[in-house]
Amino acid sequence: MADHATPNLPSSDFDRTFAFYAPLGFVEGWRDKGWMILTRGDLVLEFFPYPDIDPRTSSFSCCLRLDDLDSFYAVCKATGLPETHLGRPRLHPPRTEPWGGRVGALIDPDGTLLRLIQNGSETI
């Protein structure tokens, strides 16, 4: 297995978190009272309980580096997530950033920012 890292993200409620991520293609790999792991192919998101998180002030984030950003974004959009700059959950459409990479964004119900980055588009 290659070296890898998995983000550890807050969840105010594991059932609600899973209900949000399941339509995006994530399945539950592990859950007990203190931890939940969701997977989608090679993507792994790990969640810890944080019942008092304030989604309006959360600064949690991670990057999902995707081989096919457009397909993943289409799945997100097909679930009915709004493309807007306010509220949560929400989407920000992919665009080419000044540094050359294509990046979109997904903000989950707990206010966590998931940057959606097209693999191979970065210049580093």
N, C-alpha and C. Protein backbone atom coordinates (compact mmCIF):
# COMPACT_ATOMS: atom_id res chain seq x y z
N MET A 1 0.84 -1.18 0.00
CA MET A 1 0.00 0.00 0.00
C MET A 1 0.89 1.24 0.00
N ALA A 2 0.54 2.23 -0.78
CA ALA A 2 1.29 3.49 -0.85
C ALA A 2 1.01 4.32 0.39
N ASP A 3 1.95 5.21 0.72
CA ASP A 3 1.70 6.14 1.80
C ASP A 3 0.45 6.96 1.48
N HIS A 4 -0.29 7.27 2.50
CA HIS A 4 -1.48 8.10 2.30
C HIS A 4 -1.86 8.76 3.62
N ALA A 5 -2.74 9.73 3.55
CA ALA A 5 -3.27 10.40 4.73
C ALA A 5 -4.78 10.45 4.60
N THR A 6 -5.44 10.46 5.72
CA THR A 6 -6.89 10.60 5.70
C THR A 6 -7.29 11.75 6.62
N PRO A 7 -8.18 12.63 6.15
CA PRO A 7 -8.60 13.74 7.00
C PRO A 7 -9.48 13.24 8.14
N ASN A 8 -9.34 13.86 9.28
CA ASN A 8 -10.19 13.61 10.44
C ASN A 8 -11.07 14.84 10.60
N LEU A 9 -12.37 14.64 10.38
CA LEU A 9 -13.31 15.74 10.29
C LEU A 9 -14.37 15.65 11.38
N PRO A 10 -14.95 16.78 11.75
CA PRO A 10 -15.97 16.78 12.80
C PRO A 10 -17.34 16.35 12.27
N SER A 11 -18.10 15.73 13.14
CA SER A 11 -19.48 15.38 12.83
C SER A 11 -20.35 15.70 14.04
N SER A 12 -21.36 16.51 13.83
CA SER A 12 -22.28 16.80 14.93
C SER A 12 -23.18 15.61 15.22
N ASP A 13 -23.36 14.75 14.20
CA ASP A 13 -24.23 13.57 14.34
C ASP A 13 -23.85 12.58 13.24
N PHE A 14 -23.36 11.40 13.63
CA PHE A 14 -22.91 10.42 12.64
C PHE A 14 -24.01 10.02 11.66
N ASP A 15 -25.23 9.85 12.13
CA ASP A 15 -26.32 9.47 11.22
C ASP A 15 -26.55 10.56 10.16
N ARG A 16 -26.56 11.80 10.59
CA ARG A 16 -26.76 12.91 9.65
C ARG A 16 -25.59 13.03 8.68
N THR A 17 -24.38 12.86 9.19
CA THR A 17 -23.20 12.93 8.32
C THR A 17 -23.26 11.84 7.27
N PHE A 18 -23.57 10.62 7.68
CA PHE A 18 -23.64 9.52 6.71
C PHE A 18 -24.75 9.77 5.69
N ALA A 19 -25.89 10.27 6.15
CA ALA A 19 -27.01 10.55 5.24
C ALA A 19 -26.62 11.60 4.20
N PHE A 20 -25.72 12.52 4.54
CA PHE A 20 -25.26 13.52 3.59
C PHE A 20 -24.28 12.91 2.58
N TYR A 21 -23.32 12.13 3.05
CA TYR A 21 -22.26 11.62 2.18
C TYR A 21 -22.67 10.38 1.37
N ALA A 22 -23.64 9.61 1.82
CA ALA A 22 -24.04 8.39 1.10
C ALA A 22 -24.50 8.68 -0.34
N PRO A 23 -25.34 9.68 -0.59
CA PRO A 23 -25.74 9.96 -1.97
C PRO A 23 -24.57 10.41 -2.86
N LEU A 24 -23.46 10.80 -2.24
CA LEU A 24 -22.27 11.19 -3.00
C LEU A 24 -21.40 9.97 -3.33
N GLY A 25 -21.87 8.78 -2.92
CA GLY A 25 -21.16 7.55 -3.24
C GLY A 25 -20.30 6.99 -2.13
N PHE A 26 -20.35 7.58 -0.94
CA PHE A 26 -19.56 7.08 0.18
C PHE A 26 -20.32 5.97 0.91
N VAL A 27 -19.57 4.97 1.35
CA VAL A 27 -20.14 3.88 2.14
C VAL A 27 -19.44 3.85 3.49
N GLU A 28 -20.14 3.29 4.44
CA GLU A 28 -19.59 3.20 5.79
C GLU A 28 -18.62 2.03 5.88
N GLY A 29 -17.39 2.33 6.27
CA GLY A 29 -16.38 1.29 6.45
C GLY A 29 -16.21 0.89 7.89
N TRP A 30 -16.54 1.82 8.80
CA TRP A 30 -16.41 1.56 10.24
C TRP A 30 -17.23 2.58 10.99
N ARG A 31 -17.84 2.13 12.07
CA ARG A 31 -18.49 3.07 12.97
C ARG A 31 -18.62 2.47 14.35
N ASP A 32 -18.27 3.27 15.33
CA ASP A 32 -18.64 2.99 16.71
C ASP A 32 -19.03 4.35 17.31
N LYS A 33 -19.15 4.44 18.61
CA LYS A 33 -19.61 5.70 19.21
C LYS A 33 -18.59 6.83 19.07
N GLY A 34 -17.31 6.47 18.87
CA GLY A 34 -16.28 7.48 18.86
C GLY A 34 -15.62 7.75 17.52
N TRP A 35 -16.01 7.01 16.46
CA TRP A 35 -15.33 7.18 15.17
C TRP A 35 -16.19 6.64 14.05
N MET A 36 -16.12 7.28 12.89
CA MET A 36 -16.80 6.76 11.70
C MET A 36 -15.87 6.97 10.50
N ILE A 37 -15.75 5.94 9.69
CA ILE A 37 -14.94 6.01 8.47
C ILE A 37 -15.83 5.77 7.28
N LEU A 38 -15.79 6.72 6.32
CA LEU A 38 -16.54 6.59 5.07
C LEU A 38 -15.55 6.48 3.93
N THR A 39 -15.88 5.63 2.95
CA THR A 39 -15.00 5.45 1.80
C THR A 39 -15.80 5.58 0.51
N ARG A 40 -15.07 6.03 -0.51
CA ARG A 40 -15.62 6.09 -1.88
C ARG A 40 -14.45 5.76 -2.78
N GLY A 41 -14.35 4.50 -3.18
CA GLY A 41 -13.16 4.07 -3.91
C GLY A 41 -11.94 4.26 -3.02
N ASP A 42 -10.95 5.01 -3.51
CA ASP A 42 -9.74 5.26 -2.73
C ASP A 42 -9.86 6.46 -1.78
N LEU A 43 -10.97 7.19 -1.85
CA LEU A 43 -11.17 8.32 -0.93
C LEU A 43 -11.60 7.79 0.44
N VAL A 44 -11.00 8.33 1.48
CA VAL A 44 -11.35 7.94 2.85
C VAL A 44 -11.54 9.22 3.67
N LEU A 45 -12.69 9.32 4.31
CA LEU A 45 -12.98 10.41 5.23
C LEU A 45 -13.25 9.81 6.60
N GLU A 46 -12.56 10.30 7.61
CA GLU A 46 -12.77 9.81 8.97
C GLU A 46 -13.40 10.93 9.80
N PHE A 47 -14.39 10.56 10.60
CA PHE A 47 -15.14 11.55 11.38
C PHE A 47 -15.08 11.22 12.86
N PHE A 48 -14.96 12.28 13.66
CA PHE A 48 -15.02 12.15 15.11
C PHE A 48 -16.23 12.94 15.60
N PRO A 49 -16.81 12.54 16.74
CA PRO A 49 -17.98 13.25 17.24
C PRO A 49 -17.60 14.66 17.74
N TYR A 50 -18.38 15.61 17.32
CA TYR A 50 -18.23 17.00 17.75
C TYR A 50 -19.63 17.59 17.80
N PRO A 51 -20.43 17.18 18.79
CA PRO A 51 -21.84 17.58 18.83
C PRO A 51 -22.06 19.08 18.97
N ASP A 52 -21.08 19.82 19.47
CA ASP A 52 -21.26 21.25 19.70
C ASP A 52 -20.63 22.11 18.61
N ILE A 53 -20.26 21.53 17.48
CA ILE A 53 -19.64 22.33 16.42
C ILE A 53 -20.61 23.39 15.93
N ASP A 54 -20.09 24.57 15.68
CA ASP A 54 -20.89 25.65 15.11
C ASP A 54 -20.52 25.74 13.63
N PRO A 55 -21.38 25.26 12.73
CA PRO A 55 -21.05 25.26 11.31
C PRO A 55 -20.75 26.64 10.74
N ARG A 56 -21.27 27.69 11.38
CA ARG A 56 -21.03 29.05 10.89
C ARG A 56 -19.61 29.52 11.13
N THR A 57 -18.93 28.92 12.11
CA THR A 57 -17.57 29.36 12.44
C THR A 57 -16.54 28.26 12.28
N SER A 58 -16.95 27.11 11.77
CA SER A 58 -16.01 25.99 11.61
C SER A 58 -14.88 26.37 10.66
N SER A 59 -13.67 25.97 11.01
CA SER A 59 -12.52 26.19 10.12
C SER A 59 -11.92 24.87 9.67
N PHE A 60 -12.67 23.77 9.83
CA PHE A 60 -12.20 22.46 9.38
C PHE A 60 -12.24 22.40 7.86
N SER A 61 -11.23 21.76 7.26
CA SER A 61 -11.21 21.61 5.82
C SER A 61 -10.27 20.48 5.43
N CYS A 62 -10.39 20.05 4.19
CA CYS A 62 -9.48 19.07 3.61
C CYS A 62 -9.55 19.18 2.10
N CYS A 63 -8.65 18.51 1.42
CA CYS A 63 -8.64 18.48 -0.04
C CYS A 63 -8.94 17.07 -0.52
N LEU A 64 -9.84 16.96 -1.48
CA LEU A 64 -10.06 15.70 -2.17
C LEU A 64 -9.41 15.86 -3.55
N ARG A 65 -8.36 15.14 -3.79
CA ARG A 65 -7.66 15.21 -5.07
C ARG A 65 -8.23 14.10 -5.94
N LEU A 66 -8.89 14.52 -7.01
CA LEU A 66 -9.72 13.62 -7.81
C LEU A 66 -9.18 13.44 -9.22
N ASP A 67 -9.22 12.20 -9.71
CA ASP A 67 -8.84 11.94 -11.09
C ASP A 67 -9.86 12.51 -12.07
N ASP A 68 -11.14 12.57 -11.64
CA ASP A 68 -12.19 13.10 -12.50
C ASP A 68 -13.07 14.05 -11.69
N LEU A 69 -12.59 15.25 -11.51
CA LEU A 69 -13.31 16.28 -10.76
C LEU A 69 -14.71 16.50 -11.31
N ASP A 70 -14.83 16.59 -12.64
CA ASP A 70 -16.13 16.89 -13.23
C ASP A 70 -17.17 15.82 -12.93
N SER A 71 -16.78 14.55 -12.96
CA SER A 71 -17.74 13.48 -12.65
C SER A 71 -18.17 13.54 -11.19
N PHE A 72 -17.22 13.74 -10.27
CA PHE A 72 -17.59 13.82 -8.86
C PHE A 72 -18.49 15.02 -8.62
N TYR A 73 -18.17 16.14 -9.24
CA TYR A 73 -18.99 17.34 -9.08
C TYR A 73 -20.41 17.11 -9.62
N ALA A 74 -20.51 16.40 -10.73
CA ALA A 74 -21.83 16.09 -11.29
C ALA A 74 -22.65 15.25 -10.33
N VAL A 75 -22.01 14.29 -9.66
CA VAL A 75 -22.71 13.48 -8.66
C VAL A 75 -23.22 14.38 -7.53
N CYS A 76 -22.36 15.27 -7.06
CA CYS A 76 -22.75 16.20 -5.99
C CYS A 76 -23.95 17.05 -6.41
N LYS A 77 -23.86 17.59 -7.60
CA LYS A 77 -24.93 18.46 -8.11
C LYS A 77 -26.24 17.69 -8.31
N ALA A 78 -26.14 16.45 -8.76
CA ALA A 78 -27.34 15.63 -8.99
C ALA A 78 -28.11 15.34 -7.70
N THR A 79 -27.46 15.45 -6.55
CA THR A 79 -28.15 15.23 -5.28
C THR A 79 -29.02 16.42 -4.89
N GLY A 80 -28.89 17.51 -5.64
CA GLY A 80 -29.68 18.70 -5.34
C GLY A 80 -28.95 19.73 -4.50
N LEU A 81 -27.66 19.50 -4.24
CA LEU A 81 -26.90 20.50 -3.49
C LEU A 81 -26.87 21.81 -4.26
N PRO A 82 -27.13 22.92 -3.59
CA PRO A 82 -27.17 24.20 -4.30
C PRO A 82 -25.78 24.76 -4.58
N GLU A 83 -25.64 25.41 -5.72
CA GLU A 83 -24.44 26.18 -6.03
C GLU A 83 -24.71 27.61 -5.57
N THR A 84 -24.16 27.95 -4.43
CA THR A 84 -24.41 29.26 -3.84
C THR A 84 -23.22 29.63 -2.98
N HIS A 85 -23.19 30.87 -2.54
CA HIS A 85 -22.10 31.33 -1.69
C HIS A 85 -22.52 31.47 -0.23
N LEU A 86 -23.75 31.12 0.07
CA LEU A 86 -24.25 31.23 1.43
C LEU A 86 -24.91 29.93 1.84
N GLY A 87 -24.88 29.66 3.13
CA GLY A 87 -25.55 28.49 3.68
C GLY A 87 -24.72 27.23 3.57
N ARG A 88 -25.28 26.19 4.10
CA ARG A 88 -24.65 24.88 4.04
C ARG A 88 -25.73 23.84 4.18
N PRO A 89 -25.56 22.74 3.52
CA PRO A 89 -24.46 22.42 2.60
C PRO A 89 -24.58 23.21 1.30
N ARG A 90 -23.47 23.25 0.56
CA ARG A 90 -23.47 23.96 -0.72
C ARG A 90 -22.28 23.53 -1.57
N LEU A 91 -22.33 23.93 -2.83
CA LEU A 91 -21.27 23.65 -3.81
C LEU A 91 -20.74 24.94 -4.41
N HIS A 92 -19.48 24.90 -4.80
CA HIS A 92 -18.87 25.96 -5.61
C HIS A 92 -18.33 25.27 -6.85
N PRO A 93 -18.74 25.69 -8.04
CA PRO A 93 -18.33 25.00 -9.27
C PRO A 93 -16.81 25.05 -9.48
N PRO A 94 -16.28 24.03 -10.14
CA PRO A 94 -14.85 24.03 -10.45
C PRO A 94 -14.48 25.20 -11.36
N ARG A 95 -13.30 25.73 -11.11
CA ARG A 95 -12.76 26.78 -11.97
C ARG A 95 -11.24 26.68 -11.94
N THR A 96 -10.63 27.27 -12.92
CA THR A 96 -9.18 27.29 -12.97
C THR A 96 -8.69 28.45 -12.11
N GLU A 97 -7.86 28.11 -11.13
CA GLU A 97 -7.32 29.10 -10.21
C GLU A 97 -6.10 29.78 -10.84
N PRO A 98 -5.71 30.96 -10.33
CA PRO A 98 -4.55 31.67 -10.88
C PRO A 98 -3.27 30.83 -10.89
N TRP A 99 -3.14 29.88 -9.98
CA TRP A 99 -1.94 29.04 -9.93
C TRP A 99 -2.00 27.88 -10.93
N GLY A 100 -3.12 27.77 -11.67
CA GLY A 100 -3.22 26.78 -12.74
C GLY A 100 -4.06 25.56 -12.44
N GLY A 101 -4.41 25.33 -11.19
CA GLY A 101 -5.20 24.15 -10.85
C GLY A 101 -6.69 24.38 -10.99
N ARG A 102 -7.42 23.29 -11.27
CA ARG A 102 -8.89 23.33 -11.31
C ARG A 102 -9.39 22.90 -9.95
N VAL A 103 -10.22 23.76 -9.35
CA VAL A 103 -10.68 23.53 -7.99
C VAL A 103 -12.15 23.90 -7.87
N GLY A 104 -12.90 23.02 -7.22
CA GLY A 104 -14.27 23.30 -6.82
C GLY A 104 -14.35 23.15 -5.32
N ALA A 105 -15.54 23.24 -4.76
CA ALA A 105 -15.67 23.11 -3.31
C ALA A 105 -17.03 22.52 -2.94
N LEU A 106 -17.01 21.81 -1.83
CA LEU A 106 -18.20 21.24 -1.22
C LEU A 106 -18.13 21.62 0.25
N ILE A 107 -19.20 22.21 0.76
CA ILE A 107 -19.28 22.53 2.19
C ILE A 107 -20.37 21.63 2.76
N ASP A 108 -20.00 20.84 3.77
CA ASP A 108 -20.95 19.88 4.31
C ASP A 108 -21.84 20.53 5.38
N PRO A 109 -22.82 19.80 5.92
CA PRO A 109 -23.75 20.39 6.88
C PRO A 109 -23.10 20.93 8.15
N ASP A 110 -21.91 20.39 8.51
CA ASP A 110 -21.22 20.87 9.70
C ASP A 110 -20.26 22.01 9.41
N GLY A 111 -20.28 22.51 8.17
CA GLY A 111 -19.44 23.64 7.81
C GLY A 111 -18.04 23.27 7.36
N THR A 112 -17.75 21.99 7.21
CA THR A 112 -16.42 21.57 6.75
C THR A 112 -16.29 21.85 5.26
N LEU A 113 -15.19 22.49 4.89
CA LEU A 113 -14.87 22.78 3.50
C LEU A 113 -14.06 21.63 2.91
N LEU A 114 -14.57 21.02 1.85
CA LEU A 114 -13.82 20.01 1.11
C LEU A 114 -13.45 20.61 -0.24
N ARG A 115 -12.17 20.90 -0.43
CA ARG A 115 -11.71 21.42 -1.72
C ARG A 115 -11.63 20.25 -2.68
N LEU A 116 -12.20 20.40 -3.84
CA LEU A 116 -12.23 19.37 -4.87
C LEU A 116 -11.21 19.75 -5.93
N ILE A 117 -10.10 19.02 -5.99
CA ILE A 117 -8.98 19.40 -6.85
C ILE A 117 -8.75 18.34 -7.91
N GLN A 118 -8.70 18.78 -9.17
CA GLN A 118 -8.43 17.88 -10.27
C GLN A 118 -6.97 17.42 -10.22
N ASN A 119 -6.75 16.11 -10.12
CA ASN A 119 -5.39 15.57 -10.15
C ASN A 119 -4.73 15.96 -11.47
N GLY A 120 -3.46 16.30 -11.38
CA GLY A 120 -2.70 16.64 -12.57
C GLY A 120 -2.83 18.08 -12.99
N SER A 121 -3.73 18.85 -12.35
CA SER A 121 -3.88 20.24 -12.76
C SER A 121 -2.97 21.16 -11.95
N GLU A 122 -2.43 20.64 -10.86
CA GLU A 122 -1.59 21.49 -10.04
C GLU A 122 -0.19 21.63 -10.65
N THR A 123 0.43 22.70 -10.34
CA THR A 123 1.76 22.96 -10.90
C THR A 123 2.86 22.57 -9.94
N ILE A 124 2.52 22.04 -8.77
CA ILE A 124 3.55 21.62 -7.83
C ILE A 124 3.77 20.14 -7.87
